[in-house]
PDB file of N, CA and C in Angstrom:
ATOM      1  N   UNK A   1      12.744   0.240  12.146  1.00  0.00           N
ATOM      2  CA  UNK A   1      11.832  -0.679  11.507  1.00  0.00           C
ATOM      3  C   UNK A   1      12.538  -2.013  11.292  1.00  0.00           C
ATOM      4  N   UNK A   2      11.784  -3.077  11.481  1.00  0.00           N
ATOM      5  CA  UNK A   2      12.270  -4.431  11.260  1.00  0.00           C
ATOM      6  C   UNK A   2      11.246  -5.135  10.390  1.00  0.00           C
ATOM      7  N   UNK A   3      11.616  -5.285   9.132  1.00  0.00           N
ATOM      8  CA  UNK A   3      10.607  -5.808   8.173  1.00  0.00           C
ATOM      9  C   UNK A   3      11.278  -6.789   7.215  1.00  0.00           C
ATOM     10  N   UNK A   4      10.462  -7.762   6.802  1.00  0.00           N
ATOM     11  CA  UNK A   4      10.930  -8.727   5.817  1.00  0.00           C
ATOM     12  C   UNK A   4       9.920  -8.771   4.665  1.00  0.00           C
ATOM     13  N   UNK A   5      10.464  -8.537   3.467  1.00  0.00           N
ATOM     14  CA  UNK A   5       9.642  -8.744   2.289  1.00  0.00           C
ATOM     15  C   UNK A   5      10.033 -10.128   1.742  1.00  0.00           C
ATOM     16  N   UNK A   6       9.045 -10.993   1.643  1.00  0.00           N
ATOM     17  CA  UNK A   6       9.302 -12.371   1.264  1.00  0.00           C
ATOM     18  C   UNK A   6       8.150 -12.921   0.428  1.00  0.00           C
ATOM     19  N   UNK A   7       8.306 -14.159   0.055  1.00  0.00           N
ATOM     20  CA  UNK A   7       7.278 -14.892  -0.641  1.00  0.00           C
ATOM     21  C   UNK A   7       6.984 -16.177   0.195  1.00  0.00           C
ATOM     22  N   UNK A   8       5.755 -16.285   0.665  1.00  0.00           N
ATOM     23  CA  UNK A   8       5.470 -17.372   1.606  1.00  0.00           C
ATOM     24  C   UNK A   8       5.531 -18.747   0.926  1.00  0.00           C
ATOM     25  N   UNK A   9       5.433 -18.781  -0.364  1.00  0.00           N
ATOM     26  CA  UNK A   9       5.512 -20.057  -1.131  1.00  0.00           C
ATOM     27  C   UNK A   9       6.907 -20.418  -1.549  1.00  0.00           C
ATOM     28  N   UNK A  10       7.833 -19.563  -1.241  1.00  0.00           N
ATOM     29  CA  UNK A  10       9.243 -19.789  -1.655  1.00  0.00           C
ATOM     30  C   UNK A  10       9.928 -20.643  -0.580  1.00  0.00           C
ATOM     31  N   UNK A  11      10.416 -21.796  -0.950  1.00  0.00           N
ATOM     32  CA  UNK A  11      11.040 -22.669   0.038  1.00  0.00           C
ATOM     33  C   UNK A  11      12.363 -22.042   0.585  1.00  0.00           C
ATOM     34  N   UNK A  12      13.052 -21.300  -0.245  1.00  0.00           N
ATOM     35  CA  UNK A  12      14.298 -20.644   0.189  1.00  0.00           C
ATOM     36  C   UNK A  12      13.976 -19.614   1.237  1.00  0.00           C
ATOM     37  N   UNK A  13      12.965 -18.765   0.976  1.00  0.00           N
ATOM     38  CA  UNK A  13      12.568 -17.761   2.020  1.00  0.00           C
ATOM     39  C   UNK A  13      12.139 -18.450   3.306  1.00  0.00           C
ATOM     40  N   UNK A  14      11.350 -19.504   3.178  1.00  0.00           N
ATOM     41  CA  UNK A  14      10.895 -20.237   4.409  1.00  0.00           C
ATOM     42  C   UNK A  14      12.105 -20.749   5.182  1.00  0.00           C
ATOM     43  N   UNK A  15      13.021 -21.371   4.495  1.00  0.00           N
ATOM     44  CA  UNK A  15      14.214 -21.945   5.155  1.00  0.00           C
ATOM     45  C   UNK A  15      15.050 -20.877   5.873  1.00  0.00           C
ATOM     46  N   UNK A  16      15.241 -19.772   5.215  1.00  0.00           N
ATOM     47  CA  UNK A  16      16.054 -18.665   5.764  1.00  0.00           C
ATOM     48  C   UNK A  16      15.330 -18.080   7.000  1.00  0.00           C
ATOM     49  N   UNK A  17      14.085 -17.786   6.896  1.00  0.00           N
ATOM     50  CA  UNK A  17      13.323 -17.198   7.960  1.00  0.00           C
ATOM     51  C   UNK A  17      13.313 -18.143   9.193  1.00  0.00           C
ATOM     52  N   UNK A  18      13.103 -19.428   8.926  1.00  0.00           N
ATOM     53  CA  UNK A  18      13.087 -20.422   9.973  1.00  0.00           C
ATOM     54  C   UNK A  18      14.464 -20.516  10.696  1.00  0.00           C
ATOM     55  N   UNK A  19      15.523 -20.499   9.877  1.00  0.00           N
ATOM     56  CA  UNK A  19      16.883 -20.649  10.436  1.00  0.00           C
ATOM     57  C   UNK A  19      17.296 -19.466  11.308  1.00  0.00           C
ATOM     58  N   UNK A  20      16.768 -18.318  11.001  1.00  0.00           N
ATOM     59  CA  UNK A  20      17.140 -17.092  11.719  1.00  0.00           C
ATOM     60  C   UNK A  20      16.405 -16.928  13.067  1.00  0.00           C
ATOM     61  N   UNK A  21      15.395 -17.729  13.313  1.00  0.00           N
ATOM     62  CA  UNK A  21      14.638 -17.643  14.562  1.00  0.00           C
ATOM     63  C   UNK A  21      14.269 -16.207  14.899  1.00  0.00           C
ATOM     64  N   UNK A  22      13.548 -15.521  14.032  1.00  0.00           N
ATOM     65  CA  UNK A  22      13.239 -14.117  14.191  1.00  0.00           C
ATOM     66  C   UNK A  22      12.157 -13.930  15.295  1.00  0.00           C
ATOM     67  N   UNK A  23      12.237 -12.812  16.001  1.00  0.00           N
ATOM     68  CA  UNK A  23      11.289 -12.564  17.093  1.00  0.00           C
ATOM     69  C   UNK A  23      10.044 -11.779  16.544  1.00  0.00           C
ATOM     70  N   UNK A  24       9.117 -11.427  17.457  1.00  0.00           N
ATOM     71  CA  UNK A  24       7.899 -10.749  17.061  1.00  0.00           C
ATOM     72  C   UNK A  24       8.064  -9.319  16.641  1.00  0.00           C
ATOM     73  N   UNK A  25       9.280  -8.783  16.786  1.00  0.00           N
ATOM     74  CA  UNK A  25       9.471  -7.395  16.358  1.00  0.00           C
ATOM     75  C   UNK A  25       9.502  -7.187  14.870  1.00  0.00           C
ATOM     76  N   UNK A  26       9.540  -8.282  14.113  1.00  0.00           N
ATOM     77  CA  UNK A  26       9.588  -8.214  12.648  1.00  0.00           C
ATOM     78  C   UNK A  26       8.180  -8.174  12.080  1.00  0.00           C
ATOM     79  N   UNK A  27       8.007  -7.312  11.047  1.00  0.00           N
ATOM     80  CA  UNK A  27       6.791  -7.370  10.281  1.00  0.00           C
ATOM     81  C   UNK A  27       7.123  -8.163   9.014  1.00  0.00           C
ATOM     82  N   UNK A  28       6.211  -9.082   8.668  1.00  0.00           N
ATOM     83  CA  UNK A  28       6.371  -9.893   7.478  1.00  0.00           C
ATOM     84  C   UNK A  28       5.396  -9.445   6.397  1.00  0.00           C
ATOM     85  N   UNK A  29       5.921  -9.238   5.200  1.00  0.00           N
ATOM     86  CA  UNK A  29       5.048  -8.905   4.084  1.00  0.00           C
ATOM     87  C   UNK A  29       5.249  -9.874   2.962  1.00  0.00           C
ATOM     88  N   UNK A  30       4.206 -10.703   2.739  1.00  0.00           N
ATOM     89  CA  UNK A  30       4.215 -11.602   1.625  1.00  0.00           C
ATOM     90  C   UNK A  30       3.910 -10.775   0.376  1.00  0.00           C
ATOM     91  N   UNK A  31       4.948 -10.652  -0.476  1.00  0.00           N
ATOM     92  CA  UNK A  31       4.798  -9.727  -1.625  1.00  0.00           C
ATOM     93  C   UNK A  31       3.840 -10.221  -2.714  1.00  0.00           C
ATOM     94  N   UNK A  32       3.445 -11.480  -2.641  1.00  0.00           N
ATOM     95  CA  UNK A  32       2.477 -11.948  -3.581  1.00  0.00           C
ATOM     96  C   UNK A  32       1.042 -11.505  -3.149  1.00  0.00           C
ATOM     97  N   UNK A  33       0.791 -11.550  -1.846  1.00  0.00           N
ATOM     98  CA  UNK A  33      -0.518 -11.181  -1.289  1.00  0.00           C
ATOM     99  C   UNK A  33      -0.615  -9.653  -1.109  1.00  0.00           C
ATOM    100  N   UNK A  34       0.383  -9.057  -0.561  1.00  0.00           N
ATOM    101  CA  UNK A  34       0.424  -7.617  -0.342  1.00  0.00           C
ATOM    102  C   UNK A  34       1.498  -7.005  -1.184  1.00  0.00           C
ATOM    103  N   UNK A  35       1.130  -6.546  -2.375  1.00  0.00           N
ATOM    104  CA  UNK A  35       2.103  -6.055  -3.335  1.00  0.00           C
ATOM    105  C   UNK A  35       2.905  -4.854  -2.777  1.00  0.00           C
ATOM    106  N   UNK A  36       4.096  -4.741  -3.297  1.00  0.00           N
ATOM    107  CA  UNK A  36       4.959  -3.662  -2.892  1.00  0.00           C
ATOM    108  C   UNK A  36       4.407  -2.344  -3.399  1.00  0.00           C
ATOM    109  N   UNK A  37       4.387  -1.341  -2.553  1.00  0.00           N
ATOM    110  CA  UNK A  37       3.877  -0.019  -2.970  1.00  0.00           C
ATOM    111  C   UNK A  37       5.017   0.863  -3.449  1.00  0.00           C
ATOM    112  N   UNK A  38       4.653   1.919  -4.064  1.00  0.00           N
ATOM    113  CA  UNK A  38       5.634   2.899  -4.551  1.00  0.00           C
ATOM    114  C   UNK A  38       6.459   3.435  -3.343  1.00  0.00           C
ATOM    115  N   UNK A  39       5.746   3.746  -2.251  1.00  0.00           N
ATOM    116  CA  UNK A  39       6.470   4.257  -1.060  1.00  0.00           C
ATOM    117  C   UNK A  39       7.437   3.239  -0.513  1.00  0.00           C
ATOM    118  N   UNK A  40       7.037   1.966  -0.480  1.00  0.00           N
ATOM    119  CA  UNK A  40       7.933   0.940   0.051  1.00  0.00           C
ATOM    120  C   UNK A  40       9.179   0.737  -0.804  1.00  0.00           C
ATOM    121  N   UNK A  41       9.019   0.740  -2.118  1.00  0.00           N
ATOM    122  CA  UNK A  41      10.191   0.557  -2.962  1.00  0.00           C
ATOM    123  C   UNK A  41      11.079   1.761  -2.918  1.00  0.00           C
ATOM    124  N   UNK A  42      10.511   2.937  -2.739  1.00  0.00           N
ATOM    125  CA  UNK A  42      11.346   4.116  -2.586  1.00  0.00           C
ATOM    126  C   UNK A  42      12.145   4.117  -1.263  1.00  0.00           C
ATOM    127  N   UNK A  43      11.499   3.606  -0.252  1.00  0.00           N
ATOM    128  CA  UNK A  43      12.206   3.438   1.079  1.00  0.00           C
ATOM    129  C   UNK A  43      13.380   2.427   0.877  1.00  0.00           C
ATOM    130  N   UNK A  44      13.109   1.339   0.146  1.00  0.00           N
ATOM    131  CA  UNK A  44      14.169   0.314  -0.038  1.00  0.00           C
ATOM    132  C   UNK A  44      15.324   0.889  -0.815  1.00  0.00           C
ATOM    133  N   UNK A  45      15.027   1.670  -1.879  1.00  0.00           N
ATOM    134  CA  UNK A  45      16.089   2.200  -2.703  1.00  0.00           C
ATOM    135  C   UNK A  45      16.938   3.236  -1.988  1.00  0.00           C
ATOM    136  N   UNK A  46      16.337   3.977  -1.034  1.00  0.00           N
ATOM    137  CA  UNK A  46      17.116   4.890  -0.214  1.00  0.00           C
ATOM    138  C   UNK A  46      18.181   4.135   0.560  1.00  0.00           C
ATOM    139  N   UNK A  47      17.893   2.950   0.948  1.00  0.00           N
ATOM    140  CA  UNK A  47      18.838   2.134   1.720  1.00  0.00           C
ATOM    141  C   UNK A  47      19.786   1.360   0.841  1.00  0.00           C
ATOM    142  N   UNK A  48      19.357   0.917  -0.323  1.00  0.00           N
ATOM    143  CA  UNK A  48      20.145   0.074  -1.197  1.00  0.00           C
ATOM    144  C   UNK A  48      20.985   0.823  -2.185  1.00  0.00           C
ATOM    145  N   UNK A  49      20.496   2.013  -2.562  1.00  0.00           N
ATOM    146  CA  UNK A  49      21.252   2.832  -3.550  1.00  0.00           C
ATOM    147  C   UNK A  49      20.768   2.774  -4.962  1.00  0.00           C
ATOM    148  N   UNK A  50      20.303   1.556  -5.402  1.00  0.00           N
ATOM    149  CA  UNK A  50      19.778   1.415  -6.763  1.00  0.00           C
ATOM    150  C   UNK A  50      18.608   0.446  -6.820  1.00  0.00           C
ATOM    151  N   UNK A  51      17.784   0.651  -7.849  1.00  0.00           N
ATOM    152  CA  UNK A  51      16.674  -0.280  -8.081  1.00  0.00           C
ATOM    153  C   UNK A  51      17.233  -1.597  -8.614  1.00  0.00           C
ATOM    154  N   UNK A  52      18.337  -1.495  -9.369  1.00  0.00           N
ATOM    155  CA  UNK A  52      18.896  -2.716  -9.901  1.00  0.00           C
ATOM    156  C   UNK A  52      19.377  -3.632  -8.808  1.00  0.00           C
ATOM    157  N   UNK A  53      19.830  -3.139  -7.659  1.00  0.00           N
ATOM    158  CA  UNK A  53      20.230  -4.012  -6.565  1.00  0.00           C
ATOM    159  C   UNK A  53      19.074  -4.754  -5.965  1.00  0.00           C
ATOM    160  N   UNK A  54      17.853  -4.256  -6.175  1.00  0.00           N
ATOM    161  CA  UNK A  54      16.647  -4.924  -5.670  1.00  0.00           C
ATOM    162  C   UNK A  54      16.043  -5.886  -6.676  1.00  0.00           C
ATOM    163  N   UNK A  55      16.562  -5.881  -7.870  1.00  0.00           N
ATOM    164  CA  UNK A  55      15.971  -6.590  -9.012  1.00  0.00           C
ATOM    165  C   UNK A  55      16.550  -7.983  -9.140  1.00  0.00           C
ATOM    166  N   UNK A  56      15.677  -8.958  -9.331  1.00  0.00           N
ATOM    167  CA  UNK A  56      16.124 -10.370  -9.480  1.00  0.00           C
ATOM    168  C   UNK A  56      16.229 -10.725 -11.001  1.00  0.00           C
ATOM    169  N   UNK A  57      17.469 -10.942 -11.405  1.00  0.00           N
ATOM    170  CA  UNK A  57      17.722 -11.353 -12.795  1.00  0.00           C
ATOM    171  C   UNK A  57      17.556 -12.855 -12.920  1.00  0.00           C
ATOM    172  N   UNK A  58      17.159 -13.529 -11.825  1.00  0.00           N
ATOM    173  CA  UNK A  58      16.938 -14.956 -11.854  1.00  0.00           C
ATOM    174  C   UNK A  58      15.435 -15.270 -12.033  1.00  0.00           C
ATOM    175  N   UNK A  59      14.592 -14.225 -12.049  1.00  0.00           N
ATOM    176  CA  UNK A  59      13.141 -14.413 -12.226  1.00  0.00           C
ATOM    177  C   UNK A  59      12.883 -15.055 -13.542  1.00  0.00           C
ATOM    178  N   UNK A  60      11.957 -15.987 -13.596  1.00  0.00           N
ATOM    179  CA  UNK A  60      11.615 -16.677 -14.809  1.00  0.00           C
ATOM    180  C   UNK A  60      11.140 -15.684 -15.894  1.00  0.00           C
ATOM    181  N   UNK A  61      10.342 -14.692 -15.476  1.00  0.00           N
ATOM    182  CA  UNK A  61       9.883 -13.697 -16.458  1.00  0.00           C
ATOM    183  C   UNK A  61      10.978 -12.847 -17.053  1.00  0.00           C
ATOM    184  N   UNK A  62      12.109 -12.745 -16.367  1.00  0.00           N
ATOM    185  CA  UNK A  62      13.248 -11.987 -16.882  1.00  0.00           C
ATOM    186  C   UNK A  62      13.694 -12.601 -18.204  1.00  0.00           C
ATOM    187  N   UNK A  63      13.741 -13.900 -18.213  1.00  0.00           N
ATOM    188  CA  UNK A  63      14.147 -14.631 -19.433  1.00  0.00           C
ATOM    189  C   UNK A  63      12.999 -14.713 -20.423  1.00  0.00           C
ATOM    190  N   UNK A  64      11.765 -14.982 -19.956  1.00  0.00           N
ATOM    191  CA  UNK A  64      10.621 -15.114 -20.805  1.00  0.00           C
ATOM    192  C   UNK A  64      10.349 -13.855 -21.607  1.00  0.00           C
ATOM    193  N   UNK A  65      10.502 -12.678 -20.970  1.00  0.00           N
ATOM    194  CA  UNK A  65      10.237 -11.450 -21.647  1.00  0.00           C
ATOM    195  C   UNK A  65      11.405 -10.906 -22.439  1.00  0.00           C
ATOM    196  N   UNK A  66      12.511 -11.658 -22.444  1.00  0.00           N
ATOM    197  CA  UNK A  66      13.698 -11.252 -23.190  1.00  0.00           C
ATOM    198  C   UNK A  66      14.394 -10.029 -22.596  1.00  0.00           C
ATOM    199  N   UNK A  67      14.213  -9.800 -21.325  1.00  0.00           N
ATOM    200  CA  UNK A  67      14.779  -8.623 -20.690  1.00  0.00           C
ATOM    201  C   UNK A  67      16.319  -8.743 -20.579  1.00  0.00           C
ATOM    202  N   UNK A  68      16.799  -9.919 -20.628  1.00  0.00           N
ATOM    203  CA  UNK A  68      18.231 -10.162 -20.547  1.00  0.00           C
ATOM    204  C   UNK A  68      18.964  -9.476 -21.697  1.00  0.00           C
ATOM    205  N   UNK A  69      18.280  -9.359 -22.814  1.00  0.00           N
ATOM    206  CA  UNK A  69      18.874  -8.820 -24.025  1.00  0.00           C
ATOM    207  C   UNK A  69      18.632  -7.296 -24.180  1.00  0.00           C
ATOM    208  N   UNK A  70      17.915  -6.725 -23.231  1.00  0.00           N
ATOM    209  CA  UNK A  70      17.617  -5.307 -23.280  1.00  0.00           C
ATOM    210  C   UNK A  70      18.469  -4.516 -22.327  1.00  0.00           C
ATOM    211  N   UNK A  71      18.652  -3.282 -22.670  1.00  0.00           N
ATOM    212  CA  UNK A  71      19.488  -2.361 -21.829  1.00  0.00           C
ATOM    213  C   UNK A  71      18.536  -1.672 -20.889  1.00  0.00           C
ATOM    214  N   UNK A  72      18.358  -2.211 -19.692  1.00  0.00           N
ATOM    215  CA  UNK A  72      17.376  -1.693 -18.692  1.00  0.00           C
ATOM    216  C   UNK A  72      18.052  -0.566 -17.889  1.00  0.00           C
ATOM    217  N   UNK A  73      17.219   0.462 -17.557  1.00  0.00           N
ATOM    218  CA  UNK A  73      17.734   1.536 -16.696  1.00  0.00           C
ATOM    219  C   UNK A  73      17.004   1.463 -15.362  1.00  0.00           C
ATOM    220  N   UNK A  74      17.315   2.380 -14.479  1.00  0.00           N
ATOM    221  CA  UNK A  74      16.745   2.349 -13.084  1.00  0.00           C
ATOM    222  C   UNK A  74      15.233   2.484 -13.146  1.00  0.00           C
ATOM    223  N   UNK A  75      14.657   3.289 -14.036  1.00  0.00           N
ATOM    224  CA  UNK A  75      13.186   3.431 -14.130  1.00  0.00           C
ATOM    225  C   UNK A  75      12.606   2.087 -14.534  1.00  0.00           C
ATOM    226  N   UNK A  76      13.268   1.404 -15.465  1.00  0.00           N
ATOM    227  CA  UNK A  76      12.780   0.099 -15.901  1.00  0.00           C
ATOM    228  C   UNK A  76      12.741  -0.914 -14.716  1.00  0.00           C
ATOM    229  N   UNK A  77      13.831  -0.958 -13.985  1.00  0.00           N
ATOM    230  CA  UNK A  77      13.877  -1.898 -12.809  1.00  0.00           C
ATOM    231  C   UNK A  77      12.788  -1.559 -11.858  1.00  0.00           C
ATOM    232  N   UNK A  78      12.620  -0.321 -11.551  1.00  0.00           N
ATOM    233  CA  UNK A  78      11.585   0.129 -10.580  1.00  0.00           C
ATOM    234  C   UNK A  78      10.185  -0.329 -11.070  1.00  0.00           C
ATOM    235  N   UNK A  79       9.885  -0.022 -12.322  1.00  0.00           N
ATOM    236  CA  UNK A  79       8.547  -0.310 -12.863  1.00  0.00           C
ATOM    237  C   UNK A  79       8.317  -1.854 -12.920  1.00  0.00           C
ATOM    238  N   UNK A  80       9.303  -2.597 -13.292  1.00  0.00           N
ATOM    239  CA  UNK A  80       9.159  -4.053 -13.356  1.00  0.00           C
ATOM    240  C   UNK A  80       8.884  -4.634 -11.961  1.00  0.00           C
ATOM    241  N   UNK A  81       9.593  -4.156 -10.936  1.00  0.00           N
ATOM    242  CA  UNK A  81       9.379  -4.650  -9.585  1.00  0.00           C
ATOM    243  C   UNK A  81       7.965  -4.293  -9.118  1.00  0.00           C
ATOM    244  N   UNK A  82       7.540  -3.069  -9.413  1.00  0.00           N
ATOM    245  CA  UNK A  82       6.179  -2.711  -9.020  1.00  0.00           C
ATOM    246  C   UNK A  82       5.101  -3.443  -9.807  1.00  0.00           C
ATOM    247  N   UNK A  83       5.411  -3.877 -11.014  1.00  0.00           N
ATOM    248  CA  UNK A  83       4.445  -4.559 -11.838  1.00  0.00           C
ATOM    249  C   UNK A  83       4.284  -6.037 -11.464  1.00  0.00           C
ATOM    250  N   UNK A  84       5.406  -6.658 -11.149  1.00  0.00           N
ATOM    251  CA  UNK A  84       5.346  -8.118 -10.858  1.00  0.00           C
ATOM    252  C   UNK A  84       6.259  -8.466  -9.687  1.00  0.00           C
ATOM    253  N   UNK A  85       5.706  -9.013  -8.671  1.00  0.00           N
ATOM    254  CA  UNK A  85       6.459  -9.347  -7.402  1.00  0.00           C
ATOM    255  C   UNK A  85       7.651 -10.272  -7.672  1.00  0.00           C
ATOM    256  N   UNK A  86       7.641 -11.065  -8.719  1.00  0.00           N
ATOM    257  CA  UNK A  86       8.728 -12.004  -8.918  1.00  0.00           C
ATOM    258  C   UNK A  86      10.048 -11.300  -9.290  1.00  0.00           C
ATOM    259  N   UNK A  87       9.960 -10.038  -9.628  1.00  0.00           N
ATOM    260  CA  UNK A  87      11.182  -9.274  -9.952  1.00  0.00           C
ATOM    261  C   UNK A  87      11.935  -8.759  -8.762  1.00  0.00           C
ATOM    262  N   UNK A  88      11.366  -8.867  -7.582  1.00  0.00           N
ATOM    263  CA  UNK A  88      12.075  -8.410  -6.388  1.00  0.00           C
ATOM    264  C   UNK A  88      12.975  -9.503  -5.930  1.00  0.00           C
ATOM    265  N   UNK A  89      14.244  -9.176  -5.769  1.00  0.00           N
ATOM    266  CA  UNK A  89      15.222 -10.149  -5.210  1.00  0.00           C
ATOM    267  C   UNK A  89      14.828 -10.383  -3.757  1.00  0.00           C
ATOM    268  N   UNK A  90      14.698 -11.603  -3.370  1.00  0.00           N
ATOM    269  CA  UNK A  90      14.160 -11.865  -2.052  1.00  0.00           C
ATOM    270  C   UNK A  90      14.919 -12.958  -1.305  1.00  0.00           C
ATOM    271  N   UNK A  91      14.745 -12.920   0.027  1.00  0.00           N
ATOM    272  CA  UNK A  91      14.016 -12.010   0.817  1.00  0.00           C
ATOM    273  C   UNK A  91      14.776 -10.652   0.971  1.00  0.00           C
ATOM    274  N   UNK A  92      14.020  -9.617   1.324  1.00  0.00           N
ATOM    275  CA  UNK A  92      14.623  -8.331   1.662  1.00  0.00           C
ATOM    276  C   UNK A  92      14.369  -8.099   3.172  1.00  0.00           C
ATOM    277  N   UNK A  93      15.439  -7.926   3.872  1.00  0.00           N
ATOM    278  CA  UNK A  93      15.360  -7.586   5.324  1.00  0.00           C
ATOM    279  C   UNK A  93      15.709  -6.128   5.501  1.00  0.00           C
ATOM    280  N   UNK A  94      14.873  -5.428   6.223  1.00  0.00           N
ATOM    281  CA  UNK A  94      15.196  -4.067   6.607  1.00  0.00           C
ATOM    282  C   UNK A  94      15.200  -4.110   8.162  1.00  0.00           C
ATOM    283  N   UNK A  95      16.415  -3.814   8.686  1.00  0.00           N
ATOM    284  CA  UNK A  95      16.645  -3.858  10.101  1.00  0.00           C
ATOM    285  C   UNK A  95      17.322  -2.542  10.546  1.00  0.00           C
ATOM    286  N   UNK A  96      16.587  -1.779  11.270  1.00  0.00           N
ATOM    287  CA  UNK A  96      17.144  -0.484  11.818  1.00  0.00           C
ATOM    288  C   UNK A  96      17.961   0.307  10.749  1.00  0.00           C
ATOM    289  N   UNK A  97      17.289   0.659   9.699  1.00  0.00           N
ATOM    290  CA  UNK A  97      17.842   1.462   8.619  1.00  0.00           C
ATOM    291  C   UNK A  97      19.007   0.814   7.839  1.00  0.00           C
ATOM    292  N   UNK A  98      19.095  -0.514   7.930  1.00  0.00           N
ATOM    293  CA  UNK A  98      20.042  -1.291   7.129  1.00  0.00           C
ATOM    294  C   UNK A  98      19.211  -2.225   6.242  1.00  0.00           C
ATOM    295  N   UNK A  99      19.667  -2.456   5.043  1.00  0.00           N
ATOM    296  CA  UNK A  99      18.952  -3.360   4.154  1.00  0.00           C
ATOM    297  C   UNK A  99      19.840  -4.513   3.740  1.00  0.00           C
ATOM    298  N   UNK A 100      19.242  -5.692   3.689  1.00  0.00           N
ATOM    299  CA  UNK A 100      19.926  -6.919   3.261  1.00  0.00           C
ATOM    300  C   UNK A 100      19.071  -7.554   2.187  1.00  0.00           C
ATOM    301  N   UNK A 101      19.647  -7.728   1.005  1.00  0.00           N
ATOM    302  CA  UNK A 101      18.872  -8.152  -0.132  1.00  0.00           C
ATOM    303  C   UNK A 101      19.337  -9.498  -0.689  1.00  0.00           C
ATOM    304  N   UNK A 102      18.396 -10.421  -0.861  1.00  0.00           N
ATOM    305  CA  UNK A 102      18.694 -11.668  -1.495  1.00  0.00           C
ATOM    306  C   UNK A 102      19.001 -12.813  -0.540  1.00  0.00           C
ATOM    307  N   UNK A 103      19.280 -13.955  -1.154  1.00  0.00           N
ATOM    308  CA  UNK A 103      19.431 -15.174  -0.338  1.00  0.00           C
ATOM    309  C   UNK A 103      20.786 -15.804  -0.394  1.00  0.00           C
ATOM    310  N   UNK A 104      21.786 -15.078  -0.927  1.00  0.00           N
ATOM    311  CA  UNK A 104      23.106 -15.696  -0.935  1.00  0.00           C
ATOM    312  C   UNK A 104      23.639 -15.843   0.494  1.00  0.00           C
ATOM    313  N   UNK A 105      24.504 -16.801   0.679  1.00  0.00           N
ATOM    314  CA  UNK A 105      24.966 -17.188   1.972  1.00  0.00           C
ATOM    315  C   UNK A 105      25.585 -16.022   2.749  1.00  0.00           C
ATOM    316  N   UNK A 106      26.392 -15.226   2.078  1.00  0.00           N
ATOM    317  CA  UNK A 106      27.081 -14.095   2.696  1.00  0.00           C
ATOM    318  C   UNK A 106      26.083 -13.075   3.268  1.00  0.00           C
ATOM    319  N   UNK A 107      25.002 -12.786   2.504  1.00  0.00           N
ATOM    320  CA  UNK A 107      24.008 -11.891   2.916  1.00  0.00           C
ATOM    321  C   UNK A 107      23.271 -12.373   4.192  1.00  0.00           C
ATOM    322  N   UNK A 108      22.890 -13.613   4.144  1.00  0.00           N
ATOM    323  CA  UNK A 108      22.185 -14.226   5.275  1.00  0.00           C
ATOM    324  C   UNK A 108      23.087 -14.255   6.506  1.00  0.00           C
ATOM    325  N   UNK A 109      24.371 -14.513   6.351  1.00  0.00           N
ATOM    326  CA  UNK A 109      25.303 -14.468   7.492  1.00  0.00           C
ATOM    327  C   UNK A 109      25.388 -13.055   8.070  1.00  0.00           C
ATOM    328  N   UNK A 110      25.341 -12.040   7.220  1.00  0.00           N
ATOM    329  CA  UNK A 110      25.322 -10.683   7.714  1.00  0.00           C
ATOM    330  C   UNK A 110      24.059 -10.372   8.499  1.00  0.00           C
ATOM    331  N   UNK A 111      22.918 -10.838   7.956  1.00  0.00           N
ATOM    332  CA  UNK A 111      21.666 -10.658   8.684  1.00  0.00           C
ATOM    333  C   UNK A 111      21.737 -11.296  10.071  1.00  0.00           C
ATOM    334  N   UNK A 112      22.220 -12.513  10.121  1.00  0.00           N
ATOM    335  CA  UNK A 112      22.343 -13.213  11.405  1.00  0.00           C
ATOM    336  C   UNK A 112      23.241 -12.480  12.396  1.00  0.00           C
ATOM    337  N   UNK A 113      24.331 -11.923  11.915  1.00  0.00           N
ATOM    338  CA  UNK A 113      25.255 -11.186  12.773  1.00  0.00           C
ATOM    339  C   UNK A 113      24.588  -9.860  13.246  1.00  0.00           C
ATOM    340  N   UNK A 114      23.814  -9.235  12.376  1.00  0.00           N
ATOM    341  CA  UNK A 114      23.199  -7.977  12.695  1.00  0.00           C
ATOM    342  C   UNK A 114      22.052  -8.118  13.724  1.00  0.00           C
ATOM    343  N   UNK A 115      21.479  -9.343  13.766  1.00  0.00           N
ATOM    344  CA  UNK A 115      20.411  -9.521  14.759  1.00  0.00           C
ATOM    345  C   UNK A 115      20.997  -9.577  16.125  1.00  0.00           C
TER     346      UNK A 115
END
């Protein structure tokens, strides 16, 4: 499977996707329009190891809801991601049973090498 979970309105996602020159073998899922399903997040966590690794602590709602001051567990991370798309660290690339999460430079370099 070659899939990208992204946000089409996110300039960072747009820049990364454009820079990688991806071919037609990729499926793109705009997580705002097509919400992440339970099955999809469970597939992601099988590859990533934890729900926390998929969770964005930079999301505005993370601060607004005071989640920073709470002791969140794996079930909390999972439920928050399923409840609101902004909690998914993005973009998420799944390429041939490997997962690449987030937009830091090192991750994107790994994606580029793996292509």
